[in-house]
N, C-alpha and C. Protein backbone atom coordinates (compact mmCIF):
# COMPACT_ATOMS: atom_id res chain seq x y z
N MET A 1 1.06 -1.42 0.20
CA MET A 1 -0.09 0.40 0.24
C MET A 1 0.81 1.50 -0.37
N LYS A 2 1.80 1.00 1.06
CA LYS A 2 3.36 2.73 1.30
C LYS A 2 3.08 2.99 -0.06
N SER A 3 4.23 1.73 -1.12
CA SER A 3 4.63 1.19 -2.24
C SER A 3 3.50 2.02 -3.77
N GLN A 4 2.27 1.58 -3.31
CA GLN A 4 1.03 2.06 -4.33
C GLN A 4 1.42 3.81 -4.15
N LYS A 5 1.10 4.87 -2.98
CA LYS A 5 1.26 6.21 -2.54
C LYS A 5 2.54 6.47 -3.48
N TYR A 6 3.67 5.80 -3.01
CA TYR A 6 4.73 6.58 -3.30
C TYR A 6 4.93 6.57 -5.02
N PHE A 7 3.74 5.54 -5.74
CA PHE A 7 4.01 5.50 -7.45
C PHE A 7 3.29 6.63 -7.94
N LEU A 8 1.97 6.89 -7.03
CA LEU A 8 0.67 7.64 -7.22
C LEU A 8 1.56 9.08 -7.04
N LEU A 9 2.24 9.29 -6.01
CA LEU A 9 2.66 10.40 -5.98
C LEU A 9 3.82 11.10 -7.00
N THR A 10 4.68 9.93 -7.31
CA THR A 10 5.39 10.44 -8.18
C THR A 10 5.27 10.35 -9.64
N LEU A 11 3.92 9.17 -10.16
CA LEU A 11 3.13 9.75 -11.21
C LEU A 11 2.64 11.42 -11.56
N LEU A 12 1.86 11.33 -10.28
CA LEU A 12 1.55 12.74 -10.14
C LEU A 12 2.70 14.07 -10.57
N ALA A 13 3.57 13.34 -9.41
CA ALA A 13 4.84 14.85 -9.68
C ALA A 13 5.51 15.17 -11.49
N ILE A 14 5.45 13.73 -11.93
CA ILE A 14 6.28 14.05 -13.40
C ILE A 14 4.83 13.96 -14.32
N SER A 15 3.29 14.18 -14.68
CA SER A 15 2.55 13.48 -15.52
C SER A 15 2.28 15.30 -16.05
N PRO A 16 2.50 16.44 -15.76
CA PRO A 16 3.14 17.49 -16.54
C PRO A 16 4.00 17.41 -17.10
N TRP A 17 5.23 16.94 -16.32
CA TRP A 17 6.62 16.76 -17.53
C TRP A 17 6.25 16.10 -18.89
N LEU A 18 5.42 14.69 -18.09
CA LEU A 18 5.45 13.56 -19.54
C LEU A 18 4.33 14.99 -21.01
N VAL A 19 3.48 15.23 -20.15
CA VAL A 19 2.03 15.94 -21.21
C VAL A 19 2.96 16.48 -22.13
N ALA A 20 3.94 17.49 -21.32
CA ALA A 20 4.99 18.49 -22.01
C ALA A 20 5.84 17.97 -22.97
N GLN A 21 6.19 16.74 -22.67
CA GLN A 21 7.57 16.84 -24.34
C GLN A 21 7.08 16.42 -25.36
N ASN A 22 7.69 17.06 -25.74
CA ASN A 22 7.44 16.95 -27.50
C ASN A 22 8.20 15.17 -27.85
N PHE A 23 8.44 14.95 -29.12
CA PHE A 23 8.88 13.36 -29.38
C PHE A 23 9.43 13.62 -30.40
N GLY A 24 10.47 13.13 -30.50
CA GLY A 24 11.46 13.57 -31.38
C GLY A 24 12.31 14.87 -31.37
N ALA A 25 12.97 15.18 -32.06
CA ALA A 25 14.09 16.39 -32.84
C ALA A 25 13.04 16.90 -33.43
N PRO A 26 13.60 18.36 -33.15
CA PRO A 26 12.90 19.78 -33.85
C PRO A 26 12.99 19.39 -35.69
N PRO A 27 12.42 20.35 -36.13
CA PRO A 27 12.73 19.68 -37.41
C PRO A 27 14.30 21.26 -38.17
N ALA A 28 14.51 21.05 -38.81
CA ALA A 28 16.10 21.58 -39.62
C ALA A 28 14.71 22.90 -39.40
N ILE A 29 16.23 23.58 -39.43
CA ILE A 29 16.05 25.17 -39.79
C ILE A 29 16.19 25.98 -41.22
N TYR A 30 15.28 26.34 -42.14
CA TYR A 30 15.30 26.30 -43.51
C TYR A 30 14.56 27.77 -43.71
N LYS A 31 15.17 27.72 -44.46
CA LYS A 31 15.19 29.23 -45.42
C LYS A 31 15.33 29.46 -46.93
N PRO A 32 14.36 29.53 -48.07
CA PRO A 32 14.77 29.51 -49.12
C PRO A 32 15.61 30.73 -49.83
N SER A 33 16.02 30.09 -50.96
CA SER A 33 16.75 30.92 -51.35
C SER A 33 15.94 32.40 -51.97
N GLN A 34 14.84 32.61 -52.57
CA GLN A 34 14.80 33.82 -52.61
C GLN A 34 14.30 34.49 -51.50
N GLU A 35 13.69 33.86 -50.46
CA GLU A 35 13.52 34.55 -48.75
C GLU A 35 15.20 35.13 -49.08
N ILE A 36 16.16 34.50 -48.81
CA ILE A 36 17.46 34.95 -48.48
C ILE A 36 17.96 36.19 -49.37
N ILE A 37 17.77 35.88 -50.53
CA ILE A 37 17.48 37.09 -51.68
C ILE A 37 17.14 38.49 -51.61
N ALA A 38 15.67 37.81 -51.20
CA ALA A 38 14.75 39.40 -51.61
C ALA A 38 15.34 40.06 -49.77
N GLN A 39 15.88 39.15 -48.61
CA GLN A 39 16.37 40.19 -47.37
C GLN A 39 17.28 40.63 -47.99
N LEU A 40 18.14 40.42 -48.23
CA LEU A 40 19.53 41.00 -48.93
C LEU A 40 19.40 41.94 -49.12
N THR A 41 18.30 41.94 -50.71
CA THR A 41 18.32 43.19 -51.46
C THR A 41 17.71 44.14 -50.89
N GLU A 42 16.48 44.21 -49.80
CA GLU A 42 15.82 44.34 -49.20
C GLU A 42 16.77 45.64 -48.54
N ALA A 43 18.02 44.60 -47.80
CA ALA A 43 18.56 45.25 -46.23
C ALA A 43 19.63 45.95 -47.22
N ALA A 44 20.01 46.28 -48.23
CA ALA A 44 21.02 46.61 -49.05
C ALA A 44 20.45 48.04 -49.51
N ARG A 45 19.33 48.29 -49.72
CA ARG A 45 18.60 49.52 -50.30
C ARG A 45 18.87 50.56 -48.94
N ASN A 46 18.82 49.80 -47.87
CA ASN A 46 18.86 50.99 -47.33
C ASN A 46 20.51 50.79 -46.71
N SER A 47 22.01 50.14 -46.71
CA SER A 47 23.21 49.99 -46.17
C SER A 47 24.31 50.88 -47.35
N ASN A 48 24.88 51.10 -46.80
CA ASN A 48 26.51 51.63 -47.55
C ASN A 48 27.22 51.10 -46.94
N SER A 49 27.22 49.74 -45.64
CA SER A 49 28.02 49.92 -45.13
C SER A 49 29.45 49.03 -45.75
N ALA A 50 31.13 48.77 -44.72
CA ALA A 50 31.79 48.19 -45.55
C ALA A 50 31.53 46.88 -45.23
N ALA A 51 30.74 46.51 -44.21
CA ALA A 51 30.80 44.88 -43.52
C ALA A 51 29.50 44.84 -44.43
N GLY A 52 28.77 45.59 -45.42
CA GLY A 52 28.08 44.63 -46.42
C GLY A 52 26.55 44.40 -45.29
N VAL A 53 25.80 43.71 -46.22
CA VAL A 53 24.79 43.53 -45.57
C VAL A 53 24.70 41.51 -45.15
N SER A 54 23.77 41.51 -44.16
CA SER A 54 23.86 39.81 -43.90
C SER A 54 22.29 39.16 -43.16
N VAL A 55 22.10 38.43 -44.07
CA VAL A 55 20.72 37.60 -43.77
C VAL A 55 21.11 36.77 -42.37
N THR A 56 20.92 36.47 -41.20
CA THR A 56 20.79 35.74 -39.69
C THR A 56 19.95 34.47 -40.59
N ILE A 57 21.10 33.32 -40.37
CA ILE A 57 19.63 31.89 -40.68
C ILE A 57 19.86 31.27 -38.92
N SER A 58 20.29 31.35 -38.54
CA SER A 58 20.16 30.81 -37.20
C SER A 58 21.68 31.47 -36.13
N PRO A 59 21.54 31.56 -35.04
CA PRO A 59 23.06 32.00 -34.60
C PRO A 59 24.26 31.22 -34.94
N GLY A 60 25.47 32.18 -35.64
CA GLY A 60 26.15 32.34 -35.48
C GLY A 60 26.59 31.89 -37.56
N ILE A 61 25.66 31.75 -37.78
CA ILE A 61 25.55 31.52 -39.18
C ILE A 61 24.79 32.72 -40.18
N SER A 62 25.43 33.22 -41.06
CA SER A 62 24.27 34.12 -42.17
C SER A 62 25.04 34.01 -43.25
N VAL A 63 24.14 35.16 -44.29
CA VAL A 63 24.43 34.91 -45.71
C VAL A 63 24.65 36.35 -45.97
N ARG A 64 26.04 37.04 -46.09
CA ARG A 64 26.31 37.87 -46.16
C ARG A 64 26.37 38.99 -47.51
N ARG A 65 26.49 39.50 -47.98
CA ARG A 65 26.64 40.09 -49.50
C ARG A 65 27.10 41.48 -49.16
N ARG A 66 28.53 41.52 -50.20
CA ARG A 66 29.27 42.92 -50.21
C ARG A 66 29.17 43.14 -51.31
N VAL A 67 29.15 44.33 -51.60
CA VAL A 67 29.50 45.65 -53.05
C VAL A 67 30.70 45.96 -52.89
N SER A 68 30.83 45.70 -54.16
CA SER A 68 32.33 46.44 -55.01
C SER A 68 32.77 48.06 -54.74
N GLU A 69 31.47 48.67 -54.73
CA GLU A 69 31.33 49.96 -54.52
C GLU A 69 31.40 51.50 -53.08
N VAL A 70 31.70 50.04 -52.19
CA VAL A 70 32.65 50.83 -50.79
C VAL A 70 33.26 49.85 -50.51
N PRO A 71 34.33 50.73 -49.70
CA PRO A 71 35.58 50.41 -49.35
C PRO A 71 35.25 48.62 -47.82
N GLN A 72 36.23 47.78 -48.32
CA GLN A 72 36.24 46.49 -47.78
C GLN A 72 36.77 46.75 -45.75
N TYR A 73 36.35 46.20 -45.45
CA TYR A 73 36.83 46.09 -43.86
C TYR A 73 38.06 45.14 -43.91
N ALA A 74 39.43 45.10 -43.33
CA ALA A 74 39.71 44.00 -43.61
C ALA A 74 39.90 43.28 -41.96
N VAL A 75 39.54 42.68 -41.58
CA VAL A 75 39.03 42.10 -40.39
C VAL A 75 39.69 40.41 -39.87
N MET A 76 40.06 40.21 -38.23
CA MET A 76 40.12 39.36 -37.96
C MET A 76 39.54 38.55 -36.51
N HIS A 77 39.12 37.73 -36.29
CA HIS A 77 38.12 37.13 -35.64
C HIS A 77 39.07 36.43 -34.07
N PRO A 78 39.69 37.08 -32.81
CA PRO A 78 40.41 36.43 -32.26
C PRO A 78 40.37 35.25 -31.52
N TYR A 79 38.22 34.95 -31.52
CA TYR A 79 37.80 33.59 -31.28
C TYR A 79 37.47 33.09 -31.66
N SER A 80 37.28 33.47 -32.80
CA SER A 80 36.48 32.18 -33.75
C SER A 80 36.83 31.70 -34.79
N VAL A 81 36.47 30.43 -35.35
CA VAL A 81 36.49 30.33 -36.25
C VAL A 81 35.96 30.67 -37.33
N GLU A 82 36.14 31.21 -38.73
CA GLU A 82 34.55 31.58 -39.85
C GLU A 82 35.39 30.65 -41.19
N ILE A 83 33.85 29.82 -41.19
CA ILE A 83 34.09 29.17 -42.32
C ILE A 83 32.92 29.88 -43.70
N TYR A 84 33.41 30.25 -44.81
CA TYR A 84 32.42 30.97 -46.25
C TYR A 84 32.61 29.85 -46.57
N ARG A 85 31.69 29.45 -47.27
CA ARG A 85 30.99 29.15 -48.95
C ARG A 85 30.23 30.26 -49.78
N ILE A 86 31.98 30.58 -50.76
CA ILE A 86 30.90 31.48 -51.74
C ILE A 86 29.94 31.01 -52.38
N ILE A 87 28.47 31.77 -52.51
CA ILE A 87 27.52 31.26 -53.17
C ILE A 87 27.19 31.52 -54.54
N GLU A 88 27.34 33.26 -54.66
CA GLU A 88 27.82 34.36 -56.05
C GLU A 88 28.32 35.14 -55.83
N GLY A 89 29.02 35.25 -57.48
CA GLY A 89 30.58 36.26 -57.52
C GLY A 89 31.43 35.06 -57.06
N SER A 90 32.42 36.55 -57.52
CA SER A 90 33.76 35.97 -57.65
C SER A 90 34.65 37.02 -56.93
N GLY A 91 35.60 37.02 -56.43
CA GLY A 91 36.33 38.31 -56.31
C GLY A 91 37.81 38.21 -55.59
N THR A 92 38.71 38.73 -54.75
CA THR A 92 40.16 38.59 -54.43
C THR A 92 40.25 38.60 -53.27
N LEU A 93 40.19 37.46 -52.25
CA LEU A 93 39.88 37.14 -51.12
C LEU A 93 41.82 36.90 -50.48
N VAL A 94 42.37 37.77 -49.16
CA VAL A 94 43.71 38.21 -49.35
C VAL A 94 42.77 38.01 -47.58
N THR A 95 44.18 36.32 -47.25
CA THR A 95 44.21 35.48 -46.15
C THR A 95 45.59 35.66 -45.07
N GLY A 96 45.96 35.91 -44.16
CA GLY A 96 47.10 35.49 -43.78
C GLY A 96 47.64 37.30 -43.19
N GLY A 97 48.81 36.99 -42.90
CA GLY A 97 49.28 38.45 -42.88
C GLY A 97 48.71 39.56 -42.15
N LEU A 98 48.97 40.48 -41.55
CA LEU A 98 48.54 41.28 -40.64
C LEU A 98 47.82 42.11 -40.97
N LEU A 99 46.98 43.25 -40.17
CA LEU A 99 46.00 44.62 -40.56
C LEU A 99 47.24 45.26 -40.16
N LYS A 100 46.55 46.30 -41.76
CA LYS A 100 47.80 47.29 -42.19
C LYS A 100 46.76 48.57 -40.72
N THR A 101 47.48 48.54 -39.83
CA THR A 101 47.01 50.29 -39.03
C THR A 101 46.53 51.61 -39.62
N PRO A 102 45.92 52.46 -39.38
CA PRO A 102 44.93 52.11 -37.74
C PRO A 102 44.55 51.31 -37.92
N ILE A 103 43.56 50.54 -36.65
CA ILE A 103 42.41 49.63 -36.08
C ILE A 103 41.30 50.47 -36.02
N ALA A 104 40.27 50.36 -36.46
CA ALA A 104 39.07 51.04 -36.71
C ALA A 104 39.17 50.84 -34.70
N GLU A 105 37.55 51.55 -34.21
CA GLU A 105 36.80 51.25 -33.14
C GLU A 105 37.02 49.85 -33.06
N GLN A 106 36.56 49.28 -32.34
CA GLN A 106 36.06 47.47 -32.00
C GLN A 106 34.44 47.86 -31.61
N THR A 107 34.00 47.35 -32.65
CA THR A 107 32.51 46.94 -32.09
C THR A 107 31.98 45.82 -31.38
N SER A 108 33.03 44.67 -31.48
CA SER A 108 32.73 43.43 -30.78
C SER A 108 33.95 42.91 -29.71
N ASP A 109 34.26 42.03 -29.07
CA ASP A 109 35.77 41.36 -28.09
C ASP A 109 36.20 40.48 -29.58
N ASP A 110 35.32 40.13 -30.36
CA ASP A 110 35.38 39.61 -31.49
C ASP A 110 35.73 39.73 -32.88
N VAL A 111 35.70 40.93 -33.36
CA VAL A 111 35.87 41.46 -34.08
C VAL A 111 37.27 42.58 -34.28
N VAL A 112 38.36 42.24 -34.71
CA VAL A 112 39.10 43.49 -35.20
C VAL A 112 39.09 43.92 -36.06
N ARG A 113 39.36 44.97 -36.86
CA ARG A 113 38.77 45.42 -38.50
C ARG A 113 39.74 46.55 -38.33
N THR A 114 40.09 47.25 -39.62
CA THR A 114 40.79 48.47 -39.92
C THR A 114 40.06 48.56 -41.70
N LEU A 115 39.82 49.75 -42.37
CA LEU A 115 39.52 50.60 -43.66
C LEU A 115 41.15 50.25 -44.58
N HIS A 116 42.38 49.47 -44.61
CA HIS A 116 43.39 50.40 -44.80
C HIS A 116 43.94 48.58 -45.08
N GLY A 117 43.37 47.47 -45.50
CA GLY A 117 43.87 46.05 -46.06
C GLY A 117 44.44 45.01 -45.12
N VAL A 118 45.27 44.26 -45.44
CA VAL A 118 46.46 43.62 -45.01
C VAL A 118 47.83 43.55 -45.50
N GLU A 119 48.50 43.60 -45.00
CA GLU A 119 50.06 43.91 -44.95
C GLU A 119 50.55 42.05 -45.30
N GLY A 120 51.09 41.57 -46.81
CA GLY A 120 51.40 40.45 -46.76
C GLY A 120 50.44 39.54 -47.11
N GLY A 121 50.29 38.30 -46.56
CA GLY A 121 49.23 37.37 -46.85
C GLY A 121 49.16 36.37 -48.16
N LEU A 122 47.99 35.72 -48.36
CA LEU A 122 48.16 35.42 -49.69
C LEU A 122 46.69 35.27 -50.21
N ALA A 123 47.01 35.75 -51.50
CA ALA A 123 46.28 36.81 -52.17
C ALA A 123 45.36 35.33 -53.14
N ARG A 124 44.29 35.39 -53.19
CA ARG A 124 43.27 34.02 -53.75
C ARG A 124 42.18 34.53 -54.41
N ARG A 125 42.32 33.79 -55.64
CA ARG A 125 40.59 34.04 -56.33
C ARG A 125 40.12 33.28 -55.42
N VAL A 126 38.42 33.69 -55.01
CA VAL A 126 37.52 33.29 -54.94
C VAL A 126 36.02 33.13 -55.76
N ALA A 127 35.65 32.03 -55.99
CA ALA A 127 34.56 32.23 -56.87
C ALA A 127 33.28 31.39 -56.17
N ALA A 128 31.72 30.79 -56.78
CA ALA A 128 30.89 29.99 -56.13
C ALA A 128 31.43 28.71 -56.05
N GLY A 129 30.63 28.40 -54.75
CA GLY A 129 31.10 26.68 -54.82
C GLY A 129 32.63 26.22 -53.84
N ASP A 130 33.37 27.85 -53.62
CA ASP A 130 34.11 27.77 -52.69
C ASP A 130 34.04 27.59 -51.44
N ILE A 131 34.78 27.24 -50.75
CA ILE A 131 35.15 27.55 -49.27
C ILE A 131 36.35 27.77 -48.66
N LEU A 132 36.04 28.29 -47.90
CA LEU A 132 37.30 28.75 -46.82
C LEU A 132 36.84 28.66 -45.41
N VAL A 133 38.28 28.24 -44.72
CA VAL A 133 38.40 28.21 -42.80
C VAL A 133 39.23 28.89 -42.25
N LEU A 134 38.78 29.28 -41.88
CA LEU A 134 39.50 30.85 -41.64
C LEU A 134 40.04 30.93 -40.34
N GLN A 135 40.57 30.83 -39.50
CA GLN A 135 41.34 30.08 -38.13
C GLN A 135 41.48 31.43 -37.48
N PRO A 136 40.84 31.32 -36.36
CA PRO A 136 40.91 32.19 -34.95
C PRO A 136 42.28 33.36 -35.49
N GLY A 137 42.33 34.66 -35.02
CA GLY A 137 43.33 35.30 -35.09
C GLY A 137 43.84 35.66 -36.46
N THR A 138 43.17 35.19 -38.07
CA THR A 138 43.98 35.00 -39.15
C THR A 138 42.70 36.23 -39.87
N PRO A 139 43.78 37.55 -40.36
CA PRO A 139 43.20 38.25 -41.20
C PRO A 139 42.64 38.22 -41.92
N HIS A 140 41.69 38.83 -42.94
CA HIS A 140 41.05 38.58 -43.95
C HIS A 140 40.56 39.76 -44.91
N TRP A 141 40.46 39.60 -45.93
CA TRP A 141 39.81 41.11 -46.57
C TRP A 141 39.71 40.88 -48.34
N PHE A 142 38.60 41.34 -48.33
CA PHE A 142 38.24 41.20 -49.91
C PHE A 142 39.05 42.33 -50.74
N SER A 143 39.93 42.06 -51.29
CA SER A 143 40.88 43.39 -51.71
C SER A 143 40.48 43.46 -53.07
N GLU A 144 39.28 43.21 -53.86
CA GLU A 144 38.75 42.78 -55.21
C GLU A 144 37.14 42.31 -55.21
N ILE A 145 36.71 42.51 -55.54
CA ILE A 145 34.98 42.15 -55.62
C ILE A 145 34.78 42.14 -56.99
N ASP A 146 34.80 41.35 -58.45
CA ASP A 146 34.02 41.72 -59.40
C ASP A 146 32.76 41.79 -59.23
N GLY A 147 32.12 42.36 -60.32
CA GLY A 147 30.89 43.11 -60.66
C GLY A 147 30.49 44.16 -59.34
N ASP A 148 29.53 43.53 -59.42
CA ASP A 148 28.66 44.74 -58.44
C ASP A 148 28.82 44.01 -57.10
N SER A 149 28.92 42.71 -56.65
CA SER A 149 28.38 41.98 -55.28
C SER A 149 29.05 40.90 -55.19
N ILE A 150 29.25 40.53 -54.01
CA ILE A 150 30.33 38.59 -53.44
C ILE A 150 29.01 38.77 -52.40
N THR A 151 28.15 37.26 -53.00
CA THR A 151 27.46 36.74 -51.37
C THR A 151 27.42 35.34 -51.11
N TYR A 152 28.15 35.11 -49.74
CA TYR A 152 28.71 33.86 -49.13
C TYR A 152 28.11 33.92 -48.06
N MET A 153 28.09 32.68 -47.64
CA MET A 153 27.42 31.94 -46.56
C MET A 153 28.36 32.08 -45.34
N GLU A 154 28.25 32.65 -44.27
CA GLU A 154 29.40 32.91 -43.18
C GLU A 154 28.74 32.29 -41.78
N SER A 155 29.54 31.16 -41.56
CA SER A 155 29.49 30.57 -40.35
C SER A 155 31.00 30.56 -39.15
N ARG A 156 30.41 31.57 -38.03
CA ARG A 156 31.78 32.21 -36.78
C ARG A 156 30.93 31.32 -35.78
N ILE A 157 32.40 30.37 -35.06
CA ILE A 157 31.83 29.75 -34.14
C ILE A 157 33.07 29.84 -33.41
N ARG A 158 32.64 30.40 -31.72
CA ARG A 158 33.27 30.68 -31.33
C ARG A 158 33.84 29.43 -30.28
N ILE A 159 35.60 29.21 -30.64
CA ILE A 159 36.20 27.88 -29.91
C ILE A 159 36.67 27.87 -29.13
N THR A 160 37.42 29.59 -28.60
CA THR A 160 38.44 29.62 -28.11
C THR A 160 38.11 30.58 -27.07
N THR A 161 38.59 30.48 -25.59
CA THR A 161 38.77 31.82 -24.50
C THR A 161 39.60 32.29 -24.13
N ALA A 162 40.68 32.22 -24.75
CA ALA A 162 41.90 33.17 -24.96
C ALA A 162 42.10 33.53 -26.55
N PRO A 163 42.16 34.66 -26.22
CA PRO A 163 42.38 35.54 -27.91
C PRO A 163 43.59 35.13 -28.67
N VAL A 164 43.20 34.65 -30.14
CA VAL A 164 44.71 34.46 -31.07
C VAL A 164 44.99 35.63 -31.88
N ARG A 165 46.02 36.32 -31.80
CA ARG A 165 46.35 37.59 -32.50
C ARG A 165 47.86 37.01 -32.77
N TYR A 166 47.92 37.59 -34.28
CA TYR A 166 48.93 37.54 -34.89
C TYR A 166 49.70 38.91 -34.15
N GLN A 167 49.21 39.81 -34.65
CA GLN A 167 49.47 41.19 -34.86
C GLN A 167 50.78 41.67 -33.60
C-alpha cells in the first residue's frame, strides 16, 4: 500500500512533464533561397556599409553580401573560426599576414578591423562553390570584388576563451 502511494505521488509529480514533452527532434531550420536574396536586396537598399549586409539563418550562421562600390574592412576574429562558402560572384580574398594600422574602433571583442587592408598574406581568387576556413586570429579581406557584389554563407563559431592574435 505504501509503495502504491509513492508510485501515485511520483506519477502525479512527473505527469505535467510527460504531457509537455515533444517526441523526436525539432525539424531543420529552413530558409529558401528566394527569401534570403529578397532580404539581402532589401537590406542593401538601406545600407552602404563596408561590412556589407547579412541575413541571419541561426545564431552564428548568416548569408552576407558585400558590394564592390564601398571600401572593404579587413578583419580578424580572435576567438572564432569562420567558414565561408561563396554562393555567387567572385573576387580576391587575402588571408593571413597582418592587419594594416590604424585599427578601427572595436564593435565586439571578436571583431578587429581596419579599412587599410592586410599586409602580406595570400591573395586568392574565389568564386561560387569555393569554401574557406579561417582560423581564429587570421586576418582576411576582399581586396577586390568582381562586378557588383559577392555573396557568401558565413559560419562563425567561437571556439576559444583566449584570444589568438598575430599582430
